[in-house]
Amino acid sequence: MTALILAQAAGGGFDTRLLIVWGLIIVVFYMFMIRPQVKKQKDQKKFADELKKGDKVITTSGMHGKVIDIADNTVLLETEGGHKIRFNKSAISIDESKALNAPVVTK
């Protein structure tokens, strides 16, 4: 890369093809890396905002539970053993019914 820049500086010319290539690299990087991550964050926030009592959910740590109370930024879950545990809304990962119906991917 440095050699290419030095060669252009010595030649004195500006190659628009290099600018187009860098532009394409940036567009591809945005399309495959940044945009999907932003969409995933929006979907996760929407899911956390739509939680209601009685929903069966799975946390990011893998804990399964039923929502029994929702506060500002926290959710109280009841596990199968009857234990009640409070989590941040951001720790709630997915609806349990969606996780159980997800297709299994094998290699």
C-alpha atoms as a PDB file:
ATOM      1  CA  MET A   1       0.000   0.000   0.000  1.00  0.00           C
ATOM      2  CA  THR A   2       2.772   2.415   0.939  1.00  0.00           C
ATOM      3  CA  ALA A   3       4.680   1.509  -2.215  1.00  0.00           C
ATOM      4  CA  LEU A   4       1.597   2.283  -4.300  1.00  0.00           C
ATOM      5  CA  ILE A   5       1.215   5.700  -2.690  1.00  0.00           C
ATOM      6  CA  LEU A   6       4.909   6.472  -3.188  1.00  0.00           C
ATOM      7  CA  ALA A   7       4.716   5.345  -6.823  1.00  0.00           C
ATOM      8  CA  GLN A   8       1.767   7.657  -7.432  1.00  0.00           C
ATOM      9  CA  ALA A   9       3.547  10.544  -5.726  1.00  0.00           C
ATOM     10  CA  ALA A  10       6.617   9.975  -7.887  1.00  0.00           C
ATOM     11  CA  GLY A  11       4.553   9.637 -11.069  1.00  0.00           C
ATOM     12  CA  GLY A  12       2.546  12.713 -10.264  1.00  0.00           C
ATOM     13  CA  GLY A  13      -0.697  11.236 -11.606  1.00  0.00           C
ATOM     14  CA  PHE A  14      -3.935  10.482  -9.802  1.00  0.00           C
ATOM     15  CA  ASP A  15      -5.526   7.150 -10.584  1.00  0.00           C
ATOM     16  CA  THR A  16      -9.313   7.289 -10.270  1.00  0.00           C
ATOM     17  CA  ARG A  17      -9.455   3.489 -10.403  1.00  0.00           C
ATOM     18  CA  LEU A  18      -7.828   3.349  -6.973  1.00  0.00           C
ATOM     19  CA  LEU A  19     -10.471   5.703  -5.615  1.00  0.00           C
ATOM     20  CA  ILE A  20     -13.226   3.513  -7.108  1.00  0.00           C
ATOM     21  CA  VAL A  21     -11.705   0.364  -5.607  1.00  0.00           C
ATOM     22  CA  TRP A  22     -11.518   1.942  -2.142  1.00  0.00           C
ATOM     23  CA  GLY A  23     -15.074   3.176  -2.514  1.00  0.00           C
ATOM     24  CA  LEU A  24     -16.256  -0.342  -3.369  1.00  0.00           C
ATOM     25  CA  ILE A  25     -14.379  -1.780  -0.395  1.00  0.00           C
ATOM     26  CA  ILE A  26     -16.095   0.693   1.924  1.00  0.00           C
ATOM     27  CA  VAL A  27     -19.544  -0.062   0.441  1.00  0.00           C
ATOM     28  CA  VAL A  28     -19.048  -3.830   0.759  1.00  0.00           C
ATOM     29  CA  PHE A  29     -17.786  -3.436   4.334  1.00  0.00           C
ATOM     30  CA  TYR A  30     -20.865  -1.370   5.201  1.00  0.00           C
ATOM     31  CA  MET A  31     -23.301  -3.795   3.546  1.00  0.00           C
ATOM     32  CA  PHE A  32     -21.900  -6.948   5.138  1.00  0.00           C
ATOM     33  CA  MET A  33     -20.639  -5.732   8.524  1.00  0.00           C
ATOM     34  CA  ILE A  34     -22.238  -2.532   9.774  1.00  0.00           C
ATOM     35  CA  ARG A  35     -25.789  -2.626   8.398  1.00  0.00           C
ATOM     36  CA  PRO A  36     -26.694  -6.124   9.697  1.00  0.00           C
ATOM     37  CA  GLN A  37     -25.340  -5.274  13.164  1.00  0.00           C
ATOM     38  CA  VAL A  38     -27.416  -2.066  13.359  1.00  0.00           C
ATOM     39  CA  LYS A  39     -30.530  -3.976  12.232  1.00  0.00           C
ATOM     40  CA  LYS A  40     -29.917  -6.658  14.867  1.00  0.00           C
ATOM     41  CA  GLN A  41     -29.564  -4.008  17.594  1.00  0.00           C
ATOM     42  CA  LYS A  42     -32.834  -2.343  16.529  1.00  0.00           C
ATOM     43  CA  ASP A  43     -34.665  -5.677  16.521  1.00  0.00           C
ATOM     44  CA  GLN A  44     -33.290  -6.537  19.987  1.00  0.00           C
ATOM     45  CA  LYS A  45     -34.381  -3.177  21.407  1.00  0.00           C
ATOM     46  CA  LYS A  46     -37.843  -3.551  19.870  1.00  0.00           C
ATOM     47  CA  PHE A  47     -38.149  -7.053  21.376  1.00  0.00           C
ATOM     48  CA  ALA A  48     -37.118  -5.807  24.830  1.00  0.00           C
ATOM     49  CA  ASP A  49     -39.595  -2.920  24.649  1.00  0.00           C
ATOM     50  CA  GLU A  50     -42.467  -5.252  23.682  1.00  0.00           C
ATOM     51  CA  LEU A  51     -41.981  -7.693  26.575  1.00  0.00           C
ATOM     52  CA  LYS A  52     -45.099  -8.342  28.637  1.00  0.00           C
ATOM     53  CA  LYS A  53     -46.061 -10.433  31.643  1.00  0.00           C
ATOM     54  CA  GLY A  54     -46.447 -14.109  30.875  1.00  0.00           C
ATOM     55  CA  ASP A  55     -43.905 -14.210  28.022  1.00  0.00           C
ATOM     56  CA  LYS A  56     -41.546 -17.179  28.141  1.00  0.00           C
ATOM     57  CA  VAL A  57     -38.046 -15.993  27.291  1.00  0.00           C
ATOM     58  CA  ILE A  58     -34.406 -17.029  27.232  1.00  0.00           C
ATOM     59  CA  THR A  59     -31.656 -14.756  28.543  1.00  0.00           C
ATOM     60  CA  THR A  60     -28.284 -14.199  26.877  1.00  0.00           C
ATOM     61  CA  SER A  61     -26.755 -16.543  29.476  1.00  0.00           C
ATOM     62  CA  GLY A  62     -29.206 -19.317  28.547  1.00  0.00           C
ATOM     63  CA  MET A  63     -31.590 -19.044  31.518  1.00  0.00           C
ATOM     64  CA  HIS A  64     -35.188 -19.973  30.642  1.00  0.00           C
ATOM     65  CA  GLY A  65     -37.979 -18.231  32.492  1.00  0.00           C
ATOM     66  CA  LYS A  66     -41.396 -16.629  32.466  1.00  0.00           C
ATOM     67  CA  VAL A  67     -41.768 -12.845  32.800  1.00  0.00           C
ATOM     68  CA  ILE A  68     -43.717 -12.019  35.961  1.00  0.00           C
ATOM     69  CA  ASP A  69     -42.874  -8.329  36.411  1.00  0.00           C
ATOM     70  CA  ILE A  70     -41.423  -5.546  34.282  1.00  0.00           C
ATOM     71  CA  ALA A  71     -39.845  -2.382  35.700  1.00  0.00           C
ATOM     72  CA  ASP A  72     -38.093   0.463  33.855  1.00  0.00           C
ATOM     73  CA  ASN A  73     -34.955  -1.382  32.791  1.00  0.00           C
ATOM     74  CA  THR A  74     -35.391  -4.715  34.553  1.00  0.00           C
ATOM     75  CA  VAL A  75     -37.462  -7.857  34.160  1.00  0.00           C
ATOM     76  CA  LEU A  76     -38.339 -10.326  36.921  1.00  0.00           C
ATOM     77  CA  LEU A  77     -38.253 -13.920  35.664  1.00  0.00           C
ATOM     78  CA  GLU A  78     -39.588 -17.036  37.326  1.00  0.00           C
ATOM     79  CA  THR A  79     -37.697 -20.239  36.556  1.00  0.00           C
ATOM     80  CA  GLU A  80     -39.116 -23.771  36.520  1.00  0.00           C
ATOM     81  CA  GLY A  81     -38.014 -24.318  40.107  1.00  0.00           C
ATOM     82  CA  GLY A  82     -40.078 -21.343  41.240  1.00  0.00           C
ATOM     83  CA  HIS A  83     -37.045 -19.104  41.767  1.00  0.00           C
ATOM     84  CA  LYS A  84     -37.417 -15.440  40.906  1.00  0.00           C
ATOM     85  CA  ILE A  85     -34.465 -13.672  39.340  1.00  0.00           C
ATOM     86  CA  ARG A  86     -34.222 -10.061  38.151  1.00  0.00           C
ATOM     87  CA  PHE A  87     -32.411  -9.316  34.868  1.00  0.00           C
ATOM     88  CA  ASN A  88     -31.749  -6.188  32.842  1.00  0.00           C
ATOM     89  CA  LYS A  89     -33.980  -5.942  29.780  1.00  0.00           C
ATOM     90  CA  SER A  90     -30.873  -6.018  27.613  1.00  0.00           C
ATOM     91  CA  ALA A  91     -30.075  -9.512  28.955  1.00  0.00           C
ATOM     92  CA  ILE A  92     -33.299 -10.966  27.520  1.00  0.00           C
ATOM     93  CA  SER A  93     -32.291 -12.614  24.276  1.00  0.00           C
ATOM     94  CA  ILE A  94     -35.226 -14.279  22.548  1.00  0.00           C
ATOM     95  CA  ASP A  95     -38.768 -15.541  22.941  1.00  0.00           C
ATOM     96  CA  GLU A  96     -38.639 -19.203  23.981  1.00  0.00           C
ATOM     97  CA  SER A  97     -41.179 -20.301  21.364  1.00  0.00           C
ATOM     98  CA  LYS A  98     -39.028 -18.813  18.587  1.00  0.00           C
ATOM     99  CA  ALA A  99     -35.921 -20.527  19.947  1.00  0.00           C
ATOM    100  CA  LEU A 100     -37.627 -23.923  20.110  1.00  0.00           C
ATOM    101  CA  ASN A 101     -38.992 -23.610  16.569  1.00  0.00           C
ATOM    102  CA  ALA A 102     -35.692 -22.488  15.063  1.00  0.00           C
ATOM    103  CA  PRO A 103     -34.261 -24.796  12.390  1.00  0.00           C
ATOM    104  CA  VAL A 104     -31.287 -26.906  13.400  1.00  0.00           C
ATOM    105  CA  VAL A 105     -28.207 -26.285  11.251  1.00  0.00           C
ATOM    106  CA  THR A 106     -25.796 -29.172  10.838  1.00  0.00           C
ATOM    107  CA  LYS A 107     -22.530 -29.237   8.961  1.00  0.00           C
END
